[in-house]
C-alpha atoms as a PDB file:
ATOM      1  CA  MET A   1      51.080   3.536-188.670  1.00  0.00           C
ATOM      2  CA  GLY A   2      47.531   4.004-189.680  1.00  0.00           C
ATOM      3  CA  GLN A   3      44.435   2.437-188.151  1.00  0.00           C
ATOM      4  CA  LYS A   4      42.856  -0.527-189.882  1.00  0.00           C
ATOM      5  CA  VAL A   5      39.124  -0.042-190.494  1.00  0.00           C
ATOM      6  CA  HIS A   6      36.716  -2.766-191.526  1.00  0.00           C
ATOM      7  CA  PRO A   7      35.235  -1.747-194.901  1.00  0.00           C
ATOM      8  CA  TYR A   8      31.677  -2.921-193.904  1.00  0.00           C
ATOM      9  CA  GLY A   9      31.647  -1.057-190.703  1.00  0.00           C
ATOM     10  CA  PHE A  10      33.076   2.072-192.314  1.00  0.00           C
ATOM     11  CA  ARG A  11      30.217   2.144-194.821  1.00  0.00           C
ATOM     12  CA  LEU A  12      27.556   1.107-192.397  1.00  0.00           C
ATOM     13  CA  GLY A  13      24.782   3.708-192.266  1.00  0.00           C
ATOM     14  CA  VAL A  14      26.000   5.364-195.443  1.00  0.00           C
ATOM     15  CA  ILE A  15      25.653   2.680-198.125  1.00  0.00           C
ATOM     16  CA  TYR A  16      24.592  -0.498-196.171  1.00  0.00           C
ATOM     17  CA  ASP A  17      21.916  -1.058-193.528  1.00  0.00           C
ATOM     18  CA  TRP A  18      22.429  -3.037-190.408  1.00  0.00           C
ATOM     19  CA  LYS A  19      22.506  -6.831-190.735  1.00  0.00           C
ATOM     20  CA  SER A  20      20.214  -7.220-187.707  1.00  0.00           C
ATOM     21  CA  ARG A  21      17.412  -5.185-186.301  1.00  0.00           C
ATOM     22  CA  TRP A  22      16.322  -4.910-182.613  1.00  0.00           C
ATOM     23  CA  PHE A  23      12.678  -4.317-183.453  1.00  0.00           C
ATOM     24  CA  ALA A  24      10.060  -6.182-185.283  1.00  0.00           C
ATOM     25  CA  THR A  25       7.727  -5.020-188.010  1.00  0.00           C
ATOM     26  CA  ARG A  26       3.849  -5.070-187.761  1.00  0.00           C
ATOM     27  CA  ASP A  27       3.724  -8.855-188.012  1.00  0.00           C
ATOM     28  CA  TYR A  28       5.390  -9.383-184.610  1.00  0.00           C
ATOM     29  CA  ALA A  29       2.456 -11.344-183.387  1.00  0.00           C
ATOM     30  CA  ASN A  30       2.874 -13.912-186.219  1.00  0.00           C
ATOM     31  CA  LEU A  31       6.597 -14.066-185.655  1.00  0.00           C
ATOM     32  CA  LEU A  32       6.110 -14.699-182.004  1.00  0.00           C
ATOM     33  CA  GLN A  33       3.568 -17.567-182.631  1.00  0.00           C
ATOM     34  CA  GLU A  34       6.062 -19.125-185.120  1.00  0.00           C
ATOM     35  CA  ASP A  35       8.804 -19.016-182.485  1.00  0.00           C
ATOM     36  CA  LEU A  36       6.612 -20.503-179.866  1.00  0.00           C
ATOM     37  CA  ALA A  37       5.613 -23.333-182.175  1.00  0.00           C
ATOM     38  CA  ILE A  38       9.283 -24.150-182.622  1.00  0.00           C
END
């Protein structure tokens, strides 16, 4: 029997980009202030 592969994970990095990022863009300071305000 063959292995089942998730279609999104199979195309990740080729067609699609990651859904989440582990780094912030240049507006990190503004995002941090917004998080602290919440």
